Amino acid sequence: MARQRSVFSLILVILATFLMSCGGPSVATAPPTYTSVQLQRIQEYAPDILAVRDRSQELQKLIQAGQWTNVGNFIHGPITEAKLNMTYIAANLLPQDQETARKVIRNLLDHLIKLDQASVAGNSQTALNNYQAAYADIDKFLQLLPETRSQAKES
């Protein structure tokens, strides 16, 4: 009886070893890519962000001229709308880019708050510094977009 148990145990060990050696992940998984729905959503919101980025000189002129009411309107209008669009896009980015995008959006919000506070106080230098930082954040975000990456490779 003891001999049968040892033979049975040996067969089970051999079977388990064989099954373990055959069960490994031999198929390489492809890196995550964008779905057509994600690309469509990104392309839907990206033009508004690009339009705000292209209007950066307009905000700079308003700050330099001390037109604080117009600066506030620009911050609370087009730039805030662009920040909202950035939030929509961030959810459609690849998982490894989403956290970076959220950090950039938080930094943008911080710079917009400081820019708004500087405009209320009439502080041109602080306003200009935060204006530059805000637009740098917008540029960082645009670099995360798939279209921007392909354009950067062509340049």
N, C-alpha and C. Protein backbone atom coordinates (compact mmCIF):
# COMPACT_ATOMS: atom_id res chain seq x y z
N MET A 1 0.82 -1.19 0.00
CA MET A 1 0.00 0.00 0.00
C MET A 1 0.87 1.26 0.00
N ALA A 2 1.95 1.24 0.76
CA ALA A 2 2.83 2.39 0.82
C ALA A 2 3.50 2.62 -0.53
N ARG A 3 3.78 1.52 -1.22
CA ARG A 3 4.41 1.66 -2.52
C ARG A 3 3.46 2.31 -3.53
N GLN A 4 2.18 1.97 -3.48
CA GLN A 4 1.20 2.56 -4.38
C GLN A 4 1.06 4.06 -4.13
N ARG A 5 1.10 4.46 -2.85
CA ARG A 5 1.01 5.89 -2.52
C ARG A 5 2.20 6.65 -3.05
N SER A 6 3.37 6.10 -2.95
CA SER A 6 4.56 6.81 -3.43
C SER A 6 4.56 6.91 -4.96
N VAL A 7 4.09 5.85 -5.64
CA VAL A 7 3.99 5.89 -7.10
C VAL A 7 2.92 6.91 -7.51
N PHE A 8 1.78 6.89 -6.81
CA PHE A 8 0.71 7.86 -7.09
C PHE A 8 1.20 9.28 -6.84
N SER A 9 1.94 9.52 -5.76
CA SER A 9 2.50 10.85 -5.46
C SER A 9 3.47 11.27 -6.53
N LEU A 10 4.31 10.36 -7.01
CA LEU A 10 5.27 10.67 -8.06
C LEU A 10 4.56 11.06 -9.36
N ILE A 11 3.50 10.35 -9.69
CA ILE A 11 2.74 10.68 -10.90
C ILE A 11 2.11 12.07 -10.76
N LEU A 12 1.56 12.37 -9.59
CA LEU A 12 0.97 13.70 -9.37
C LEU A 12 2.01 14.80 -9.46
N VAL A 13 3.21 14.58 -8.95
CA VAL A 13 4.28 15.57 -9.03
C VAL A 13 4.68 15.79 -10.48
N ILE A 14 4.83 14.72 -11.23
CA ILE A 14 5.19 14.85 -12.65
C ILE A 14 4.10 15.58 -13.42
N LEU A 15 2.84 15.23 -13.17
CA LEU A 15 1.72 15.90 -13.83
C LEU A 15 1.67 17.38 -13.47
N ALA A 16 1.84 17.70 -12.20
CA ALA A 16 1.82 19.10 -11.77
C ALA A 16 2.97 19.88 -12.41
N THR A 17 4.15 19.29 -12.46
CA THR A 17 5.31 19.95 -13.08
C THR A 17 5.04 20.20 -14.56
N PHE A 18 4.50 19.22 -15.24
CA PHE A 18 4.20 19.37 -16.65
C PHE A 18 3.17 20.48 -16.89
N LEU A 19 2.12 20.50 -16.10
CA LEU A 19 1.09 21.52 -16.25
C LEU A 19 1.63 22.92 -15.94
N MET A 20 2.48 23.03 -14.95
CA MET A 20 3.06 24.33 -14.60
C MET A 20 3.97 24.84 -15.72
N SER A 21 4.72 23.95 -16.34
CA SER A 21 5.63 24.38 -17.40
C SER A 21 4.88 24.79 -18.66
N CYS A 22 3.72 24.24 -18.89
CA CYS A 22 2.94 24.58 -20.08
C CYS A 22 2.05 25.80 -19.88
N GLY A 23 1.85 26.21 -18.67
CA GLY A 23 0.88 27.27 -18.40
C GLY A 23 1.42 28.67 -18.38
N GLY A 24 2.68 28.91 -18.70
CA GLY A 24 3.27 30.24 -18.61
C GLY A 24 2.78 31.17 -19.71
N PRO A 25 2.81 32.48 -19.47
CA PRO A 25 2.37 33.43 -20.49
C PRO A 25 3.43 33.55 -21.59
N SER A 26 3.20 32.90 -22.69
CA SER A 26 4.16 32.94 -23.78
C SER A 26 3.80 33.97 -24.83
N VAL A 27 2.59 34.52 -24.78
CA VAL A 27 2.15 35.49 -25.76
C VAL A 27 2.44 36.89 -25.21
N ALA A 28 3.17 37.67 -25.98
CA ALA A 28 3.48 39.04 -25.57
C ALA A 28 2.25 39.90 -25.79
N THR A 29 1.95 40.72 -24.81
CA THR A 29 0.81 41.62 -24.93
C THR A 29 1.23 42.89 -25.63
N ALA A 30 0.38 43.39 -26.47
CA ALA A 30 0.67 44.62 -27.20
C ALA A 30 0.53 45.81 -26.28
N PRO A 31 1.31 46.86 -26.51
CA PRO A 31 1.17 48.05 -25.68
C PRO A 31 -0.21 48.67 -25.90
N PRO A 32 -0.73 49.37 -24.90
CA PRO A 32 -2.06 49.96 -25.06
C PRO A 32 -2.05 51.01 -26.16
N THR A 33 -3.13 51.03 -26.91
CA THR A 33 -3.28 52.02 -27.97
C THR A 33 -4.62 52.71 -27.82
N TYR A 34 -4.78 53.78 -28.56
CA TYR A 34 -6.03 54.53 -28.52
C TYR A 34 -7.09 53.85 -29.37
N THR A 35 -8.30 53.83 -28.86
CA THR A 35 -9.42 53.35 -29.65
C THR A 35 -9.91 54.50 -30.52
N SER A 36 -10.71 54.17 -31.51
CA SER A 36 -11.23 55.22 -32.38
C SER A 36 -12.14 56.17 -31.61
N VAL A 37 -12.84 55.66 -30.62
CA VAL A 37 -13.72 56.52 -29.80
C VAL A 37 -12.88 57.51 -28.98
N GLN A 38 -11.79 57.02 -28.40
CA GLN A 38 -10.92 57.91 -27.63
C GLN A 38 -10.33 58.99 -28.53
N LEU A 39 -9.85 58.61 -29.69
CA LEU A 39 -9.28 59.59 -30.62
C LEU A 39 -10.32 60.61 -31.05
N GLN A 40 -11.53 60.16 -31.27
CA GLN A 40 -12.61 61.07 -31.66
C GLN A 40 -12.88 62.09 -30.55
N ARG A 41 -12.93 61.62 -29.31
CA ARG A 41 -13.19 62.53 -28.18
C ARG A 41 -12.04 63.52 -28.00
N ILE A 42 -10.82 63.05 -28.17
CA ILE A 42 -9.66 63.93 -28.04
C ILE A 42 -9.71 64.99 -29.14
N GLN A 43 -10.00 64.57 -30.36
CA GLN A 43 -10.05 65.51 -31.48
C GLN A 43 -11.22 66.48 -31.36
N GLU A 44 -12.23 66.10 -30.63
CA GLU A 44 -13.39 66.97 -30.43
C GLU A 44 -13.04 68.16 -29.53
N TYR A 45 -12.23 67.92 -28.50
CA TYR A 45 -11.93 68.96 -27.52
C TYR A 45 -10.61 69.68 -27.77
N ALA A 46 -9.70 69.08 -28.48
CA ALA A 46 -8.36 69.66 -28.67
C ALA A 46 -8.36 71.01 -29.39
N PRO A 47 -9.20 71.24 -30.41
CA PRO A 47 -9.14 72.53 -31.11
C PRO A 47 -9.39 73.74 -30.20
N ASP A 48 -10.26 73.60 -29.21
CA ASP A 48 -10.52 74.71 -28.29
C ASP A 48 -9.29 75.03 -27.45
N ILE A 49 -8.55 74.01 -27.07
CA ILE A 49 -7.32 74.22 -26.30
C ILE A 49 -6.27 74.90 -27.18
N LEU A 50 -6.16 74.44 -28.40
CA LEU A 50 -5.21 75.05 -29.34
C LEU A 50 -5.57 76.51 -29.62
N ALA A 51 -6.86 76.80 -29.71
CA ALA A 51 -7.29 78.18 -29.95
C ALA A 51 -6.89 79.09 -28.79
N VAL A 52 -7.03 78.61 -27.57
CA VAL A 52 -6.63 79.40 -26.40
C VAL A 52 -5.12 79.58 -26.38
N ARG A 53 -4.38 78.52 -26.73
CA ARG A 53 -2.93 78.64 -26.77
C ARG A 53 -2.50 79.68 -27.81
N ASP A 54 -3.20 79.70 -28.93
CA ASP A 54 -2.86 80.66 -29.98
C ASP A 54 -3.19 82.10 -29.59
N ARG A 55 -4.04 82.28 -28.59
CA ARG A 55 -4.40 83.62 -28.12
C ARG A 55 -3.54 84.09 -26.95
N SER A 56 -2.42 83.46 -26.72
CA SER A 56 -1.58 83.80 -25.57
C SER A 56 -1.09 85.25 -25.62
N GLN A 57 -0.76 85.74 -26.80
CA GLN A 57 -0.27 87.12 -26.92
C GLN A 57 -1.35 88.12 -26.54
N GLU A 58 -2.59 87.79 -26.79
CA GLU A 58 -3.70 88.66 -26.42
C GLU A 58 -3.75 88.86 -24.91
N LEU A 59 -3.60 87.78 -24.16
CA LEU A 59 -3.61 87.89 -22.70
C LEU A 59 -2.39 88.66 -22.20
N GLN A 60 -1.26 88.43 -22.81
CA GLN A 60 -0.04 89.14 -22.40
C GLN A 60 -0.21 90.64 -22.61
N LYS A 61 -0.80 91.04 -23.72
CA LYS A 61 -1.02 92.48 -23.99
C LYS A 61 -1.99 93.09 -22.98
N LEU A 62 -3.02 92.33 -22.61
CA LEU A 62 -3.98 92.83 -21.62
C LEU A 62 -3.30 93.04 -20.26
N ILE A 63 -2.42 92.11 -19.89
CA ILE A 63 -1.71 92.24 -18.61
C ILE A 63 -0.78 93.45 -18.65
N GLN A 64 -0.03 93.58 -19.72
CA GLN A 64 0.92 94.69 -19.84
C GLN A 64 0.20 96.04 -19.88
N ALA A 65 -1.00 96.06 -20.45
CA ALA A 65 -1.77 97.31 -20.51
C ALA A 65 -2.51 97.59 -19.21
N GLY A 66 -2.53 96.62 -18.31
CA GLY A 66 -3.21 96.81 -17.03
C GLY A 66 -4.72 96.78 -17.16
N GLN A 67 -5.24 96.12 -18.14
CA GLN A 67 -6.69 95.99 -18.33
C GLN A 67 -7.17 94.79 -17.52
N TRP A 68 -7.26 94.99 -16.21
CA TRP A 68 -7.49 93.87 -15.30
C TRP A 68 -8.86 93.24 -15.42
N THR A 69 -9.86 94.03 -15.78
CA THR A 69 -11.19 93.46 -15.98
C THR A 69 -11.18 92.50 -17.16
N ASN A 70 -10.52 92.90 -18.24
CA ASN A 70 -10.43 92.04 -19.41
C ASN A 70 -9.56 90.81 -19.14
N VAL A 71 -8.52 90.99 -18.31
CA VAL A 71 -7.69 89.85 -17.93
C VAL A 71 -8.55 88.83 -17.17
N GLY A 72 -9.34 89.32 -16.23
CA GLY A 72 -10.23 88.44 -15.47
C GLY A 72 -11.23 87.74 -16.37
N ASN A 73 -11.78 88.49 -17.33
CA ASN A 73 -12.73 87.88 -18.27
C ASN A 73 -12.07 86.79 -19.11
N PHE A 74 -10.82 87.03 -19.51
CA PHE A 74 -10.10 86.05 -20.31
C PHE A 74 -9.81 84.79 -19.49
N ILE A 75 -9.43 84.99 -18.23
CA ILE A 75 -9.14 83.85 -17.35
C ILE A 75 -10.40 83.03 -17.11
N HIS A 76 -11.49 83.70 -16.80
CA HIS A 76 -12.73 83.00 -16.44
C HIS A 76 -13.52 82.54 -17.66
N GLY A 77 -13.13 83.01 -18.83
CA GLY A 77 -13.82 82.60 -20.05
C GLY A 77 -13.05 81.54 -20.81
N PRO A 78 -12.27 81.97 -21.81
CA PRO A 78 -11.61 80.99 -22.69
C PRO A 78 -10.64 80.05 -21.99
N ILE A 79 -9.85 80.54 -21.05
CA ILE A 79 -8.86 79.66 -20.42
C ILE A 79 -9.55 78.64 -19.52
N THR A 80 -10.57 79.03 -18.81
CA THR A 80 -11.29 78.09 -17.96
C THR A 80 -12.01 77.05 -18.82
N GLU A 81 -12.53 77.47 -19.95
CA GLU A 81 -13.15 76.52 -20.88
C GLU A 81 -12.12 75.53 -21.41
N ALA A 82 -10.91 76.01 -21.70
CA ALA A 82 -9.84 75.13 -22.16
C ALA A 82 -9.46 74.14 -21.06
N LYS A 83 -9.41 74.61 -19.81
CA LYS A 83 -9.09 73.72 -18.69
C LYS A 83 -10.15 72.63 -18.55
N LEU A 84 -11.39 72.98 -18.74
CA LEU A 84 -12.48 72.00 -18.69
C LEU A 84 -12.32 70.97 -19.82
N ASN A 85 -11.98 71.43 -21.01
CA ASN A 85 -11.74 70.51 -22.12
C ASN A 85 -10.54 69.61 -21.85
N MET A 86 -9.53 70.14 -21.19
CA MET A 86 -8.37 69.33 -20.83
C MET A 86 -8.79 68.20 -19.89
N THR A 87 -9.70 68.49 -18.98
CA THR A 87 -10.20 67.48 -18.05
C THR A 87 -10.94 66.38 -18.80
N TYR A 88 -11.74 66.77 -19.80
CA TYR A 88 -12.44 65.78 -20.61
C TYR A 88 -11.46 64.90 -21.38
N ILE A 89 -10.42 65.52 -21.92
CA ILE A 89 -9.44 64.78 -22.71
C ILE A 89 -8.64 63.83 -21.81
N ALA A 90 -8.29 64.27 -20.61
CA ALA A 90 -7.44 63.47 -19.72
C ALA A 90 -8.04 62.08 -19.47
N ALA A 91 -9.35 62.01 -19.40
CA ALA A 91 -10.00 60.72 -19.16
C ALA A 91 -9.87 59.78 -20.36
N ASN A 92 -9.56 60.32 -21.53
CA ASN A 92 -9.45 59.51 -22.74
C ASN A 92 -8.01 59.23 -23.16
N LEU A 93 -7.06 59.68 -22.37
CA LEU A 93 -5.66 59.40 -22.68
C LEU A 93 -5.30 57.98 -22.24
N LEU A 94 -4.15 57.51 -22.69
CA LEU A 94 -3.67 56.21 -22.26
C LEU A 94 -3.46 56.21 -20.76
N PRO A 95 -3.62 55.08 -20.09
CA PRO A 95 -3.50 55.04 -18.63
C PRO A 95 -2.20 55.63 -18.10
N GLN A 96 -1.08 55.40 -18.77
CA GLN A 96 0.19 55.93 -18.27
C GLN A 96 0.28 57.46 -18.43
N ASP A 97 -0.54 58.05 -19.30
CA ASP A 97 -0.52 59.50 -19.50
C ASP A 97 -1.56 60.23 -18.66
N GLN A 98 -2.55 59.51 -18.15
CA GLN A 98 -3.64 60.16 -17.42
C GLN A 98 -3.16 60.86 -16.15
N GLU A 99 -2.30 60.23 -15.37
CA GLU A 99 -1.84 60.84 -14.12
C GLU A 99 -1.02 62.10 -14.41
N THR A 100 -0.16 62.04 -15.42
CA THR A 100 0.62 63.21 -15.81
C THR A 100 -0.31 64.34 -16.24
N ALA A 101 -1.33 64.00 -17.02
CA ALA A 101 -2.28 65.01 -17.49
C ALA A 101 -3.01 65.66 -16.31
N ARG A 102 -3.40 64.85 -15.34
CA ARG A 102 -4.10 65.42 -14.17
C ARG A 102 -3.19 66.36 -13.38
N LYS A 103 -1.92 66.01 -13.26
CA LYS A 103 -0.97 66.89 -12.56
C LYS A 103 -0.81 68.21 -13.30
N VAL A 104 -0.72 68.13 -14.61
CA VAL A 104 -0.58 69.34 -15.42
C VAL A 104 -1.82 70.22 -15.26
N ILE A 105 -3.00 69.61 -15.25
CA ILE A 105 -4.24 70.37 -15.08
C ILE A 105 -4.29 71.02 -13.71
N ARG A 106 -3.84 70.30 -12.67
CA ARG A 106 -3.81 70.90 -11.32
C ARG A 106 -2.84 72.09 -11.28
N ASN A 107 -1.68 71.94 -11.91
CA ASN A 107 -0.71 73.04 -11.97
C ASN A 107 -1.30 74.23 -12.72
N LEU A 108 -2.00 73.95 -13.82
CA LEU A 108 -2.64 75.03 -14.57
C LEU A 108 -3.65 75.76 -13.69
N LEU A 109 -4.45 75.02 -12.96
CA LEU A 109 -5.44 75.64 -12.08
C LEU A 109 -4.75 76.52 -11.03
N ASP A 110 -3.66 76.03 -10.44
CA ASP A 110 -2.92 76.83 -9.46
C ASP A 110 -2.42 78.13 -10.08
N HIS A 111 -1.88 78.04 -11.30
CA HIS A 111 -1.36 79.24 -11.96
C HIS A 111 -2.49 80.20 -12.34
N LEU A 112 -3.63 79.65 -12.72
CA LEU A 112 -4.77 80.52 -13.04
C LEU A 112 -5.29 81.25 -11.81
N ILE A 113 -5.30 80.55 -10.68
CA ILE A 113 -5.74 81.20 -9.43
C ILE A 113 -4.79 82.33 -9.06
N LYS A 114 -3.49 82.06 -9.16
CA LYS A 114 -2.50 83.10 -8.84
C LYS A 114 -2.57 84.24 -9.84
N LEU A 115 -2.81 83.93 -11.10
CA LEU A 115 -2.96 84.98 -12.12
C LEU A 115 -4.18 85.83 -11.83
N ASP A 116 -5.28 85.20 -11.45
CA ASP A 116 -6.49 85.94 -11.11
C ASP A 116 -6.27 86.83 -9.88
N GLN A 117 -5.60 86.29 -8.87
CA GLN A 117 -5.32 87.09 -7.67
C GLN A 117 -4.42 88.27 -8.01
N ALA A 118 -3.44 88.05 -8.89
CA ALA A 118 -2.56 89.14 -9.28
C ALA A 118 -3.32 90.19 -10.08
N SER A 119 -4.27 89.76 -10.89
CA SER A 119 -5.04 90.74 -11.66
C SER A 119 -5.96 91.55 -10.75
N VAL A 120 -6.50 90.93 -9.73
CA VAL A 120 -7.34 91.67 -8.77
C VAL A 120 -6.49 92.69 -8.01
N ALA A 121 -5.26 92.30 -7.67
CA ALA A 121 -4.36 93.20 -6.95
C ALA A 121 -3.66 94.19 -7.87
N GLY A 122 -3.74 93.99 -9.17
CA GLY A 122 -3.07 94.87 -10.11
C GLY A 122 -1.56 94.66 -10.15
N ASN A 123 -1.10 93.48 -9.85
CA ASN A 123 0.33 93.17 -9.82
C ASN A 123 0.76 92.59 -11.17
N SER A 124 1.34 93.43 -12.00
CA SER A 124 1.70 93.03 -13.37
C SER A 124 2.76 91.94 -13.40
N GLN A 125 3.79 92.04 -12.56
CA GLN A 125 4.88 91.09 -12.61
C GLN A 125 4.42 89.68 -12.22
N THR A 126 3.66 89.58 -11.14
CA THR A 126 3.15 88.28 -10.73
C THR A 126 2.19 87.73 -11.77
N ALA A 127 1.39 88.60 -12.35
CA ALA A 127 0.45 88.18 -13.39
C ALA A 127 1.20 87.64 -14.60
N LEU A 128 2.25 88.32 -15.02
CA LEU A 128 3.03 87.87 -16.18
C LEU A 128 3.71 86.53 -15.90
N ASN A 129 4.26 86.39 -14.70
CA ASN A 129 4.92 85.12 -14.34
C ASN A 129 3.94 83.96 -14.39
N ASN A 130 2.75 84.15 -13.83
CA ASN A 130 1.76 83.08 -13.81
C ASN A 130 1.12 82.86 -15.17
N TYR A 131 1.04 83.92 -15.97
CA TYR A 131 0.57 83.77 -17.35
C TYR A 131 1.51 82.85 -18.12
N GLN A 132 2.82 83.08 -17.98
CA GLN A 132 3.80 82.25 -18.67
C GLN A 132 3.75 80.80 -18.17
N ALA A 133 3.61 80.63 -16.88
CA ALA A 133 3.54 79.28 -16.31
C ALA A 133 2.26 78.57 -16.77
N ALA A 134 1.16 79.29 -16.84
CA ALA A 134 -0.11 78.69 -17.28
C ALA A 134 0.00 78.21 -18.73
N TYR A 135 0.59 79.03 -19.58
CA TYR A 135 0.72 78.61 -20.97
C TYR A 135 1.77 77.50 -21.14
N ALA A 136 2.75 77.46 -20.27
CA ALA A 136 3.70 76.34 -20.29
C ALA A 136 2.96 75.04 -19.91
N ASP A 137 2.03 75.14 -18.96
CA ASP A 137 1.23 73.97 -18.59
C ASP A 137 0.36 73.51 -19.75
N ILE A 138 -0.22 74.46 -20.48
CA ILE A 138 -1.04 74.10 -21.64
C ILE A 138 -0.18 73.38 -22.68
N ASP A 139 1.03 73.88 -22.90
CA ASP A 139 1.93 73.23 -23.87
C ASP A 139 2.32 71.82 -23.41
N LYS A 140 2.57 71.66 -22.11
CA LYS A 140 2.89 70.33 -21.58
C LYS A 140 1.73 69.36 -21.82
N PHE A 141 0.52 69.86 -21.61
CA PHE A 141 -0.65 69.01 -21.82
C PHE A 141 -0.78 68.62 -23.29
N LEU A 142 -0.58 69.58 -24.17
CA LEU A 142 -0.71 69.29 -25.60
C LEU A 142 0.31 68.26 -26.07
N GLN A 143 1.44 68.19 -25.40
CA GLN A 143 2.45 67.19 -25.76
C GLN A 143 1.99 65.78 -25.42
N LEU A 144 1.04 65.64 -24.53
CA LEU A 144 0.52 64.32 -24.17
C LEU A 144 -0.48 63.78 -25.19
N LEU A 145 -1.01 64.66 -26.03
CA LEU A 145 -2.01 64.24 -26.99
C LEU A 145 -1.37 63.45 -28.13
N PRO A 146 -2.06 62.45 -28.64
CA PRO A 146 -1.47 61.62 -29.70
C PRO A 146 -1.16 62.39 -30.98
N GLU A 147 -1.97 63.36 -31.37
CA GLU A 147 -1.70 64.14 -32.57
C GLU A 147 -0.44 64.97 -32.41
N THR A 148 -0.25 65.51 -31.22
CA THR A 148 0.92 66.34 -30.96
C THR A 148 2.19 65.52 -31.05
N ARG A 149 2.14 64.29 -30.58
CA ARG A 149 3.32 63.43 -30.65
C ARG A 149 3.71 63.17 -32.10
N SER A 150 2.75 62.88 -32.97
CA SER A 150 3.09 62.59 -34.35
C SER A 150 3.59 63.84 -35.06
N GLN A 151 3.06 65.00 -34.72
CA GLN A 151 3.52 66.24 -35.32
C GLN A 151 4.92 66.56 -34.88
N ALA A 152 5.25 66.25 -33.63
CA ALA A 152 6.59 66.54 -33.11
C ALA A 152 7.63 65.68 -33.83
N LYS A 153 7.28 64.44 -34.18
CA LYS A 153 8.21 63.56 -34.88
C LYS A 153 8.48 64.04 -36.29
N GLU A 154 7.47 64.66 -36.93
CA GLU A 154 7.62 65.16 -38.28
C GLU A 154 8.50 66.40 -38.33
N SER A 155 8.47 67.21 -37.28
CA SER A 155 9.21 68.48 -37.28
C SER A 155 10.70 68.28 -37.19
